[in-house]
Amino acid sequence: MSMDFDDAPRGGKGKAGDRGDKKSGPGGAGGSGMRKRGFTRRKVCRFCADKTLTIDYKDSQLLKYFITDRGKIIPRRISGNCAKHQRKVALSIRRSRMIALMPYTVTGQ
């Protein structure tokens, strides 16, 4: 006596391991989970590329490129800085905040 799955009732929960529902996994809400990534160019540290640039806490025009519009420090993987220069940038931003050249947070939204 063979049992076809087409005759199984449709209502209620399925059996364990049923893939009918959308689960939030690596592919998002029910996606396949595999997404092809194109080639992205490696970001280059602008301070290593241009040796004349110096990181100074008084230079708020240079440091504004390394904070978000909310006032957060942009991470290294986004900015493209090397670890050495990212530490210097973060230190300069913190020093600049202390003497009120740069904001800690942005208010009045």
PDB file of N, CA and C in Angstrom:
ATOM      1  N   MET A   1       0.843  -1.158   0.000  1.00  0.00           N
ATOM      2  CA  MET A   1       0.000   0.000   0.000  1.00  0.00           C
ATOM      3  C   MET A   1       0.897   1.232   0.000  1.00  0.00           C
ATOM      4  N   SER A   2       1.000   1.879  -1.145  1.00  0.00           N
ATOM      5  CA  SER A   2       1.830   3.074  -1.244  1.00  0.00           C
ATOM      6  C   SER A   2       0.981   4.309  -0.984  1.00  0.00           C
ATOM      7  N   MET A   3       1.588   5.248  -0.307  1.00  0.00           N
ATOM      8  CA  MET A   3       0.856   6.444   0.068  1.00  0.00           C
ATOM      9  C   MET A   3       1.419   7.628  -0.702  1.00  0.00           C
ATOM     10  N   ASP A   4       0.577   8.293  -1.450  1.00  0.00           N
ATOM     11  CA  ASP A   4       1.015   9.463  -2.198  1.00  0.00           C
ATOM     12  C   ASP A   4       0.957  10.692  -1.294  1.00  0.00           C
ATOM     13  N   PHE A   5       1.901  11.588  -1.465  1.00  0.00           N
ATOM     14  CA  PHE A   5       1.907  12.809  -0.668  1.00  0.00           C
ATOM     15  C   PHE A   5       0.902  13.819  -1.194  1.00  0.00           C
ATOM     16  N   ASP A   6       0.416  13.603  -2.404  1.00  0.00           N
ATOM     17  CA  ASP A   6      -0.588  14.511  -2.951  1.00  0.00           C
ATOM     18  C   ASP A   6      -1.904  14.386  -2.190  1.00  0.00           C
ATOM     19  N   ASP A   7      -2.147  13.249  -1.582  1.00  0.00           N
ATOM     20  CA  ASP A   7      -3.385  13.026  -0.845  1.00  0.00           C
ATOM     21  C   ASP A   7      -3.297  13.539   0.583  1.00  0.00           C
ATOM     22  N   ALA A   8      -2.127  14.017   1.014  1.00  0.00           N
ATOM     23  CA  ALA A   8      -1.955  14.478   2.387  1.00  0.00           C
ATOM     24  C   ALA A   8      -2.746  15.763   2.593  1.00  0.00           C
ATOM     25  N   PRO A   9      -3.280  15.944   3.800  1.00  0.00           N
ATOM     26  CA  PRO A   9      -4.052  17.156   4.062  1.00  0.00           C
ATOM     27  C   PRO A   9      -3.163  18.402   3.986  1.00  0.00           C
ATOM     28  N   ARG A  10      -3.703  19.529   3.494  1.00  0.00           N
ATOM     29  CA  ARG A  10      -2.930  20.745   3.279  1.00  0.00           C
ATOM     30  C   ARG A  10      -2.945  21.680   4.487  1.00  0.00           C
ATOM     31  N   GLY A  11      -3.873  21.593   5.344  1.00  0.00           N
ATOM     32  CA  GLY A  11      -3.994  22.536   6.451  1.00  0.00           C
ATOM     33  C   GLY A  11      -3.047  22.213   7.584  1.00  0.00           C
ATOM     34  N   GLY A  12      -2.862  23.175   8.492  1.00  0.00           N
ATOM     35  CA  GLY A  12      -2.059  22.944   9.691  1.00  0.00           C
ATOM     36  C   GLY A  12      -0.576  22.963   9.387  1.00  0.00           C
ATOM     37  N   LYS A  13       0.187  22.488  10.333  1.00  0.00           N
ATOM     38  CA  LYS A  13       1.638  22.466  10.176  1.00  0.00           C
ATOM     39  C   LYS A  13       2.044  21.267   9.347  1.00  0.00           C
ATOM     40  N   GLY A  14       3.095  21.445   8.614  1.00  0.00           N
ATOM     41  CA  GLY A  14       3.630  20.347   7.828  1.00  0.00           C
ATOM     42  C   GLY A  14       4.493  19.467   8.706  1.00  0.00           C
ATOM     43  N   LYS A  15       5.038  18.470   8.107  1.00  0.00           N
ATOM     44  CA  LYS A  15       5.904  17.583   8.869  1.00  0.00           C
ATOM     45  C   LYS A  15       7.241  18.258   9.138  1.00  0.00           C
ATOM     46  N   ALA A  16       8.032  17.696  10.004  1.00  0.00           N
ATOM     47  CA  ALA A  16       9.319  18.274  10.370  1.00  0.00           C
ATOM     48  C   ALA A  16      10.207  18.354   9.144  1.00  0.00           C
ATOM     49  N   GLY A  17      10.857  19.478   8.960  1.00  0.00           N
ATOM     50  CA  GLY A  17      11.732  19.667   7.819  1.00  0.00           C
ATOM     51  C   GLY A  17      11.017  20.171   6.593  1.00  0.00           C
ATOM     52  N   ASP A  18       9.756  20.538   6.715  1.00  0.00           N
ATOM     53  CA  ASP A  18       8.992  21.050   5.598  1.00  0.00           C
ATOM     54  C   ASP A  18       9.580  22.392   5.157  1.00  0.00           C
ATOM     55  N   ARG A  19       9.822  22.546   3.879  1.00  0.00           N
ATOM     56  CA  ARG A  19      10.426  23.780   3.365  1.00  0.00           C
ATOM     57  C   ARG A  19       9.367  24.730   2.809  1.00  0.00           C
ATOM     58  N   GLY A  20       8.144  24.506   3.101  1.00  0.00           N
ATOM     59  CA  GLY A  20       7.082  25.324   2.561  1.00  0.00           C
ATOM     60  C   GLY A  20       7.042  26.729   3.135  1.00  0.00           C
ATOM     61  N   ASP A  21       7.462  26.888   4.387  1.00  0.00           N
ATOM     62  CA  ASP A  21       7.387  28.212   4.990  1.00  0.00           C
ATOM     63  C   ASP A  21       8.645  28.997   4.665  1.00  0.00           C
ATOM     64  N   LYS A  22       8.521  30.319   4.760  1.00  0.00           N
ATOM     65  CA  LYS A  22       9.662  31.176   4.480  1.00  0.00           C
ATOM     66  C   LYS A  22      10.420  31.396   5.765  1.00  0.00           C
ATOM     67  N   LYS A  23      11.663  31.014   5.759  1.00  0.00           N
ATOM     68  CA  LYS A  23      12.505  31.166   6.947  1.00  0.00           C
ATOM     69  C   LYS A  23      13.502  32.274   6.697  1.00  0.00           C
ATOM     70  N   SER A  24      13.825  32.989   7.742  1.00  0.00           N
ATOM     71  CA  SER A  24      14.834  34.032   7.591  1.00  0.00           C
ATOM     72  C   SER A  24      16.198  33.409   7.818  1.00  0.00           C
ATOM     73  N   GLY A  25      16.868  33.166   6.754  1.00  0.00           N
ATOM     74  CA  GLY A  25      18.188  32.563   6.822  1.00  0.00           C
ATOM     75  C   GLY A  25      19.178  33.418   6.060  1.00  0.00           C
ATOM     76  N   PRO A  26      20.216  32.804   5.523  1.00  0.00           N
ATOM     77  CA  PRO A  26      21.219  33.580   4.820  1.00  0.00           C
ATOM     78  C   PRO A  26      20.676  34.284   3.584  1.00  0.00           C
ATOM     79  N   GLY A  27      19.635  33.762   3.012  1.00  0.00           N
ATOM     80  CA  GLY A  27      19.087  34.360   1.804  1.00  0.00           C
ATOM     81  C   GLY A  27      17.966  35.334   2.079  1.00  0.00           C
ATOM     82  N   GLY A  28      17.739  35.693   3.320  1.00  0.00           N
ATOM     83  CA  GLY A  28      16.648  36.615   3.628  1.00  0.00           C
ATOM     84  C   GLY A  28      15.355  35.860   3.803  1.00  0.00           C
ATOM     85  N   ALA A  29      14.268  36.482   3.434  1.00  0.00           N
ATOM     86  CA  ALA A  29      12.950  35.879   3.622  1.00  0.00           C
ATOM     87  C   ALA A  29      12.652  34.924   2.480  1.00  0.00           C
ATOM     88  N   GLY A  30      13.056  33.703   2.625  1.00  0.00           N
ATOM     89  CA  GLY A  30      12.700  32.669   1.662  1.00  0.00           C
ATOM     90  C   GLY A  30      13.534  32.681   0.399  1.00  0.00           C
ATOM     91  N   GLY A  31      14.635  33.398   0.367  1.00  0.00           N
ATOM     92  CA  GLY A  31      15.476  33.432  -0.819  1.00  0.00           C
ATOM     93  C   GLY A  31      16.248  32.147  -0.984  1.00  0.00           C
ATOM     94  N   SER A  32      16.953  32.048  -2.075  1.00  0.00           N
ATOM     95  CA  SER A  32      17.689  30.823  -2.346  1.00  0.00           C
ATOM     96  C   SER A  32      18.937  30.696  -1.483  1.00  0.00           C
ATOM     97  N   GLY A  33      19.424  31.813  -0.939  1.00  0.00           N
ATOM     98  CA  GLY A  33      20.592  31.745  -0.078  1.00  0.00           C
ATOM     99  C   GLY A  33      21.893  31.905  -0.830  1.00  0.00           C
ATOM    100  N   MET A  34      21.870  31.733  -2.116  1.00  0.00           N
ATOM    101  CA  MET A  34      23.079  31.887  -2.926  1.00  0.00           C
ATOM    102  C   MET A  34      22.929  33.124  -3.802  1.00  0.00           C
ATOM    103  N   ARG A  35      23.837  34.064  -3.588  1.00  0.00           N
ATOM    104  CA  ARG A  35      23.825  35.265  -4.398  1.00  0.00           C
ATOM    105  C   ARG A  35      25.226  35.462  -4.958  1.00  0.00           C
ATOM    106  N   LYS A  36      25.293  35.679  -6.237  1.00  0.00           N
ATOM    107  CA  LYS A  36      26.605  35.884  -6.846  1.00  0.00           C
ATOM    108  C   LYS A  36      27.077  37.280  -6.544  1.00  0.00           C
ATOM    109  N   ARG A  37      28.324  37.368  -6.163  1.00  0.00           N
ATOM    110  CA  ARG A  37      28.910  38.671  -5.901  1.00  0.00           C
ATOM    111  C   ARG A  37      29.838  39.019  -7.048  1.00  0.00           C
ATOM    112  N   GLY A  38      29.707  40.229  -7.500  1.00  0.00           N
ATOM    113  CA  GLY A  38      30.611  40.685  -8.549  1.00  0.00           C
ATOM    114  C   GLY A  38      31.938  41.103  -7.949  1.00  0.00           C
ATOM    115  N   PHE A  39      32.876  41.357  -8.805  1.00  0.00           N
ATOM    116  CA  PHE A  39      34.197  41.770  -8.350  1.00  0.00           C
ATOM    117  C   PHE A  39      34.125  43.213  -7.875  1.00  0.00           C
ATOM    118  N   THR A  40      34.505  43.442  -6.639  1.00  0.00           N
ATOM    119  CA  THR A  40      34.562  44.798  -6.126  1.00  0.00           C
ATOM    120  C   THR A  40      36.016  45.189  -5.940  1.00  0.00           C
ATOM    121  N   ARG A  41      36.297  46.410  -6.295  1.00  0.00           N
ATOM    122  CA  ARG A  41      37.673  46.880  -6.218  1.00  0.00           C
ATOM    123  C   ARG A  41      38.084  47.082  -4.780  1.00  0.00           C
ATOM    124  N   ARG A  42      39.287  46.702  -4.462  1.00  0.00           N
ATOM    125  CA  ARG A  42      39.808  46.835  -3.106  1.00  0.00           C
ATOM    126  C   ARG A  42      40.000  48.309  -2.783  1.00  0.00           C
ATOM    127  N   LYS A  43      39.493  48.722  -1.623  1.00  0.00           N
ATOM    128  CA  LYS A  43      39.644  50.106  -1.215  1.00  0.00           C
ATOM    129  C   LYS A  43      41.079  50.352  -0.756  1.00  0.00           C
ATOM    130  N   VAL A  44      41.581  51.503  -1.094  1.00  0.00           N
ATOM    131  CA  VAL A  44      42.962  51.835  -0.777  1.00  0.00           C
ATOM    132  C   VAL A  44      42.955  52.919   0.285  1.00  0.00           C
ATOM    133  N   CYS A  45      43.815  52.780   1.250  1.00  0.00           N
ATOM    134  CA  CYS A  45      43.949  53.782   2.297  1.00  0.00           C
ATOM    135  C   CYS A  45      44.465  55.072   1.671  1.00  0.00           C
ATOM    136  N   ARG A  46      43.718  56.152   1.844  1.00  0.00           N
ATOM    137  CA  ARG A  46      44.124  57.404   1.203  1.00  0.00           C
ATOM    138  C   ARG A  46      45.361  58.001   1.846  1.00  0.00           C
ATOM    139  N   PHE A  47      45.629  57.661   3.085  1.00  0.00           N
ATOM    140  CA  PHE A  47      46.810  58.193   3.763  1.00  0.00           C
ATOM    141  C   PHE A  47      48.067  57.432   3.367  1.00  0.00           C
ATOM    142  N   CYS A  48      47.911  56.151   3.035  1.00  0.00           N
ATOM    143  CA  CYS A  48      49.064  55.391   2.537  1.00  0.00           C
ATOM    144  C   CYS A  48      49.358  55.759   1.083  1.00  0.00           C
ATOM    145  N   ALA A  49      48.306  56.047   0.311  1.00  0.00           N
ATOM    146  CA  ALA A  49      48.490  56.377  -1.099  1.00  0.00           C
ATOM    147  C   ALA A  49      49.098  57.763  -1.269  1.00  0.00           C
ATOM    148  N   ASP A  50      48.660  58.722  -0.436  1.00  0.00           N
ATOM    149  CA  ASP A  50      49.162  60.084  -0.529  1.00  0.00           C
ATOM    150  C   ASP A  50      49.898  60.416   0.771  1.00  0.00           C
ATOM    151  N   LYS A  51      51.206  60.370   0.704  1.00  0.00           N
ATOM    152  CA  LYS A  51      52.017  60.559   1.916  1.00  0.00           C
ATOM    153  C   LYS A  51      51.987  61.997   2.426  1.00  0.00           C
ATOM    154  N   THR A  52      51.504  62.940   1.619  1.00  0.00           N
ATOM    155  CA  THR A  52      51.486  64.337   2.065  1.00  0.00           C
ATOM    156  C   THR A  52      50.307  64.635   2.993  1.00  0.00           C
ATOM    157  N   LEU A  53      49.282  63.791   2.966  1.00  0.00           N
ATOM    158  CA  LEU A  53      48.133  63.991   3.859  1.00  0.00           C
ATOM    159  C   LEU A  53      48.532  63.661   5.292  1.00  0.00           C
ATOM    160  N   THR A  54      48.168  64.537   6.194  1.00  0.00           N
ATOM    161  CA  THR A  54      48.435  64.274   7.607  1.00  0.00           C
ATOM    162  C   THR A  54      47.112  64.276   8.361  1.00  0.00           C
ATOM    163  N   ILE A  55      47.040  63.450   9.377  1.00  0.00           N
ATOM    164  CA  ILE A  55      45.851  63.358  10.203  1.00  0.00           C
ATOM    165  C   ILE A  55      46.055  64.267  11.402  1.00  0.00           C
ATOM    166  N   ASP A  56      45.204  65.296  11.495  1.00  0.00           N
ATOM    167  CA  ASP A  56      45.326  66.267  12.576  1.00  0.00           C
ATOM    168  C   ASP A  56      43.940  66.508  13.151  1.00  0.00           C
ATOM    169  N   TYR A  57      43.838  66.562  14.456  1.00  0.00           N
ATOM    170  CA  TYR A  57      42.534  66.746  15.089  1.00  0.00           C
ATOM    171  C   TYR A  57      41.953  68.130  14.825  1.00  0.00           C
ATOM    172  N   LYS A  58      42.785  69.087  14.423  1.00  0.00           N
ATOM    173  CA  LYS A  58      42.302  70.438  14.135  1.00  0.00           C
ATOM    174  C   LYS A  58      41.743  70.573  12.724  1.00  0.00           C
ATOM    175  N   ASP A  59      41.993  69.571  11.874  1.00  0.00           N
ATOM    176  CA  ASP A  59      41.532  69.605  10.485  1.00  0.00           C
ATOM    177  C   ASP A  59      40.168  68.923  10.377  1.00  0.00           C
ATOM    178  N   SER A  60      39.126  69.663  10.719  1.00  0.00           N
ATOM    179  CA  SER A  60      37.788  69.065  10.724  1.00  0.00           C
ATOM    180  C   SER A  60      37.258  68.821   9.312  1.00  0.00           C
ATOM    181  N   GLN A  61      37.770  69.552   8.321  1.00  0.00           N
ATOM    182  CA  GLN A  61      37.333  69.323   6.942  1.00  0.00           C
ATOM    183  C   GLN A  61      37.767  67.945   6.445  1.00  0.00           C
ATOM    184  N   LEU A  62      38.948  67.517   6.830  1.00  0.00           N
ATOM    185  CA  LEU A  62      39.413  66.188   6.450  1.00  0.00           C
ATOM    186  C   LEU A  62      38.676  65.110   7.244  1.00  0.00           C
ATOM    187  N   LEU A  63      38.464  65.349   8.521  1.00  0.00           N
ATOM    188  CA  LEU A  63      37.862  64.333   9.390  1.00  0.00           C
ATOM    189  C   LEU A  63      36.377  64.144   9.146  1.00  0.00           C
ATOM    190  N   LYS A  64      35.703  65.112   8.529  1.00  0.00           N
ATOM    191  CA  LYS A  64      34.255  64.981   8.321  1.00  0.00           C
ATOM    192  C   LYS A  64      33.918  63.853   7.350  1.00  0.00           C
ATOM    193  N   TYR A  65      34.884  63.426   6.537  1.00  0.00           N
ATOM    194  CA  TYR A  65      34.649  62.313   5.620  1.00  0.00           C
ATOM    195  C   TYR A  65      34.637  60.970   6.343  1.00  0.00           C
ATOM    196  N   PHE A  66      35.074  60.972   7.582  1.00  0.00           N
ATOM    197  CA  PHE A  66      35.166  59.726   8.329  1.00  0.00           C
ATOM    198  C   PHE A  66      34.123  59.624   9.427  1.00  0.00           C
ATOM    199  N   ILE A  67      33.111  60.488   9.414  1.00  0.00           N
ATOM    200  CA  ILE A  67      31.979  60.346  10.331  1.00  0.00           C
ATOM    201  C   ILE A  67      30.693  60.357   9.517  1.00  0.00           C
ATOM    202  N   THR A  68      29.668  59.712  10.038  1.00  0.00           N
ATOM    203  CA  THR A  68      28.379  59.670   9.365  1.00  0.00           C
ATOM    204  C   THR A  68      27.621  60.957   9.628  1.00  0.00           C
ATOM    205  N   ASP A  69      26.472  61.078   9.006  1.00  0.00           N
ATOM    206  CA  ASP A  69      25.649  62.267   9.238  1.00  0.00           C
ATOM    207  C   ASP A  69      25.069  62.279  10.648  1.00  0.00           C
ATOM    208  N   ARG A  70      25.097  61.139  11.324  1.00  0.00           N
ATOM    209  CA  ARG A  70      24.654  61.077  12.715  1.00  0.00           C
ATOM    210  C   ARG A  70      25.783  61.322  13.704  1.00  0.00           C
ATOM    211  N   GLY A  71      27.016  61.397  13.218  1.00  0.00           N
ATOM    212  CA  GLY A  71      28.153  61.684  14.079  1.00  0.00           C
ATOM    213  C   GLY A  71      28.964  60.468  14.472  1.00  0.00           C
ATOM    214  N   LYS A  72      28.652  59.307  13.927  1.00  0.00           N
ATOM    215  CA  LYS A  72      29.397  58.091  14.267  1.00  0.00           C
ATOM    216  C   LYS A  72      30.641  57.975  13.396  1.00  0.00           C
ATOM    217  N   ILE A  73      31.675  57.347  13.940  1.00  0.00           N
ATOM    218  CA  ILE A  73      32.898  57.119  13.189  1.00  0.00           C
ATOM    219  C   ILE A  73      32.671  55.980  12.205  1.00  0.00           C
ATOM    220  N   ILE A  74      33.022  56.220  10.945  1.00  0.00           N
ATOM    221  CA  ILE A  74      32.826  55.212   9.900  1.00  0.00           C
ATOM    222  C   ILE A  74      33.848  54.095  10.086  1.00  0.00           C
ATOM    223  N   PRO A  75      33.420  52.835  10.037  1.00  0.00           N
ATOM    224  CA  PRO A  75      34.358  51.727  10.249  1.00  0.00           C
ATOM    225  C   PRO A  75      35.365  51.588   9.113  1.00  0.00           C
ATOM    226  N   ARG A  76      36.393  50.874   9.407  1.00  0.00           N
ATOM    227  CA  ARG A  76      37.508  50.697   8.498  1.00  0.00           C
ATOM    228  C   ARG A  76      37.122  49.974   7.222  1.00  0.00           C
ATOM    229  N   ARG A  77      36.234  49.016   7.325  1.00  0.00           N
ATOM    230  CA  ARG A  77      35.853  48.254   6.133  1.00  0.00           C
ATOM    231  C   ARG A  77      35.060  49.112   5.152  1.00  0.00           C
ATOM    232  N   ILE A  78      34.445  50.187   5.644  1.00  0.00           N
ATOM    233  CA  ILE A  78      33.700  51.085   4.772  1.00  0.00           C
ATOM    234  C   ILE A  78      34.613  52.182   4.241  1.00  0.00           C
ATOM    235  N   SER A  79      35.413  52.779   5.116  1.00  0.00           N
ATOM    236  CA  SER A  79      36.249  53.911   4.704  1.00  0.00           C
ATOM    237  C   SER A  79      37.429  53.479   3.850  1.00  0.00           C
ATOM    238  N   GLY A  80      37.920  52.262   4.041  1.00  0.00           N
ATOM    239  CA  GLY A  80      39.045  51.775   3.260  1.00  0.00           C
ATOM    240  C   GLY A  80      40.389  52.091   3.881  1.00  0.00           C
ATOM    241  N   ASN A  81      40.401  52.656   5.077  1.00  0.00           N
ATOM    242  CA  ASN A  81      41.666  52.961   5.741  1.00  0.00           C
ATOM    243  C   ASN A  81      42.351  51.683   6.200  1.00  0.00           C
ATOM    244  N   CYS A  82      43.672  51.760   6.310  1.00  0.00           N
ATOM    245  CA  CYS A  82      44.393  50.645   6.913  1.00  0.00           C
ATOM    246  C   CYS A  82      44.227  50.761   8.430  1.00  0.00           C
ATOM    247  N   ALA A  83      44.603  49.739   9.154  1.00  0.00           N
ATOM    248  CA  ALA A  83      44.375  49.698  10.598  1.00  0.00           C
ATOM    249  C   ALA A  83      45.134  50.813  11.315  1.00  0.00           C
ATOM    250  N   LYS A  84      46.354  51.057  10.886  1.00  0.00           N
ATOM    251  CA  LYS A  84      47.180  52.087  11.522  1.00  0.00           C
ATOM    252  C   LYS A  84      46.558  53.466  11.376  1.00  0.00           C
ATOM    253  N   HIS A  85      46.121  53.788  10.168  1.00  0.00           N
ATOM    254  CA  HIS A  85      45.551  55.108   9.946  1.00  0.00           C
ATOM    255  C   HIS A  85      44.132  55.225  10.497  1.00  0.00           C
ATOM    256  N   GLN A  86      43.395  54.124  10.554  1.00  0.00           N
ATOM    257  CA  GLN A  86      42.058  54.178  11.150  1.00  0.00           C
ATOM    258  C   GLN A  86      42.159  54.491  12.638  1.00  0.00           C
ATOM    259  N   ARG A  87      43.159  53.956  13.315  1.00  0.00           N
ATOM    260  CA  ARG A  87      43.353  54.287  14.725  1.00  0.00           C
ATOM    261  C   ARG A  87      43.672  55.760  14.899  1.00  0.00           C
ATOM    262  N   LYS A  88      44.500  56.307  14.008  1.00  0.00           N
ATOM    263  CA  LYS A  88      44.840  57.726  14.082  1.00  0.00           C
ATOM    264  C   LYS A  88      43.639  58.607  13.774  1.00  0.00           C
ATOM    265  N   VAL A  89      42.831  58.205  12.810  1.00  0.00           N
ATOM    266  CA  VAL A  89      41.631  58.965  12.465  1.00  0.00           C
ATOM    267  C   VAL A  89      40.656  58.966  13.639  1.00  0.00           C
ATOM    268  N   ALA A  90      40.442  57.803  14.240  1.00  0.00           N
ATOM    269  CA  ALA A  90      39.507  57.705  15.367  1.00  0.00           C
ATOM    270  C   ALA A  90      39.985  58.541  16.548  1.00  0.00           C
ATOM    271  N   LEU A  91      41.278  58.516  16.811  1.00  0.00           N
ATOM    272  CA  LEU A  91      41.836  59.312  17.902  1.00  0.00           C
ATOM    273  C   LEU A  91      41.682  60.804  17.617  1.00  0.00           C
ATOM    274  N   SER A  92      41.917  61.204  16.374  1.00  0.00           N
ATOM    275  CA  SER A  92      41.770  62.611  16.009  1.00  0.00           C
ATOM    276  C   SER A  92      40.324  63.071  16.098  1.00  0.00           C
ATOM    277  N   ILE A  93      39.389  62.204  15.723  1.00  0.00           N
ATOM    278  CA  ILE A  93      37.973  62.560  15.828  1.00  0.00           C
ATOM    279  C   ILE A  93      37.586  62.720  17.293  1.00  0.00           C
ATOM    280  N   ARG A  94      38.061  61.821  18.150  1.00  0.00           N
ATOM    281  CA  ARG A  94      37.736  61.936  19.571  1.00  0.00           C
ATOM    282  C   ARG A  94      38.334  63.198  20.176  1.00  0.00           C
ATOM    283  N   ARG A  95      39.557  63.544  19.780  1.00  0.00           N
ATOM    284  CA  ARG A  95      40.173  64.778  20.282  1.00  0.00           C
ATOM    285  C   ARG A  95      39.430  66.004  19.766  1.00  0.00           C
ATOM    286  N   SER A  96      39.019  65.953  18.525  1.00  0.00           N
ATOM    287  CA  SER A  96      38.289  67.061  17.924  1.00  0.00           C
ATOM    288  C   SER A  96      36.929  67.251  18.589  1.00  0.00           C
ATOM    289  N   ARG A  97      36.312  66.168  18.996  1.00  0.00           N
ATOM    290  CA  ARG A  97      35.040  66.263  19.712  1.00  0.00           C
ATOM    291  C   ARG A  97      35.222  66.910  21.079  1.00  0.00           C
ATOM    292  N   MET A  98      36.335  66.603  21.727  1.00  0.00           N
ATOM    293  CA  MET A  98      36.570  67.147  23.066  1.00  0.00           C
ATOM    294  C   MET A  98      36.673  68.661  23.078  1.00  0.00           C
ATOM    295  N   ILE A  99      37.252  69.230  22.051  1.00  0.00           N
ATOM    296  CA  ILE A  99      37.369  70.693  22.018  1.00  0.00           C
ATOM    297  C   ILE A  99      36.281  71.319  21.140  1.00  0.00           C
ATOM    298  N   ALA A 100      35.231  70.559  20.867  1.00  0.00           N
ATOM    299  CA  ALA A 100      34.001  71.019  20.202  1.00  0.00           C
ATOM    300  C   ALA A 100      34.206  71.471  18.759  1.00  0.00           C
ATOM    301  N   LEU A 101      35.155  70.852  18.059  1.00  0.00           N
ATOM    302  CA  LEU A 101      35.269  71.118  16.633  1.00  0.00           C
ATOM    303  C   LEU A 101      34.359  70.205  15.823  1.00  0.00           C
ATOM    304  N   MET A 102      34.055  69.039  16.396  1.00  0.00           N
ATOM    305  CA  MET A 102      33.155  68.085  15.739  1.00  0.00           C
ATOM    306  C   MET A 102      32.102  67.650  16.745  1.00  0.00           C
ATOM    307  N   PRO A 103      30.917  67.270  16.255  1.00  0.00           N
ATOM    308  CA  PRO A 103      29.846  66.892  17.175  1.00  0.00           C
ATOM    309  C   PRO A 103      29.970  65.450  17.665  1.00  0.00           C
ATOM    310  N   TYR A 104      29.491  65.223  18.878  1.00  0.00           N
ATOM    311  CA  TYR A 104      29.343  63.849  19.363  1.00  0.00           C
ATOM    312  C   TYR A 104      28.153  63.200  18.686  1.00  0.00           C
ATOM    313  N   THR A 105      27.033  63.906  18.683  1.00  0.00           N
ATOM    314  CA  THR A 105      25.821  63.445  17.994  1.00  0.00           C
ATOM    315  C   THR A 105      25.184  64.631  17.306  1.00  0.00           C
ATOM    316  N   VAL A 106      24.272  64.335  16.397  1.00  0.00           N
ATOM    317  CA  VAL A 106      23.554  65.372  15.692  1.00  0.00           C
ATOM    318  C   VAL A 106      22.147  65.419  16.228  1.00  0.00           C
ATOM    319  N   THR A 107      21.690  66.591  16.634  1.00  0.00           N
ATOM    320  CA  THR A 107      20.336  66.749  17.155  1.00  0.00           C
ATOM    321  C   THR A 107      19.520  67.624  16.230  1.00  0.00           C
ATOM    322  N   GLY A 108      18.242  67.726  16.526  1.00  0.00           N
ATOM    323  CA  GLY A 108      17.349  68.580  15.748  1.00  0.00           C
ATOM    324  C   GLY A 108      16.919  67.987  14.439  1.00  0.00           C
ATOM    325  N   GLN A 109      16.584  66.701  14.445  1.00  0.00           N
ATOM    326  CA  GLN A 109      16.182  66.035  13.215  1.00  0.00           C
ATOM    327  C   GLN A 109      14.758  66.285  12.887  1.00  0.00           C
TER     328      GLN A 109
END
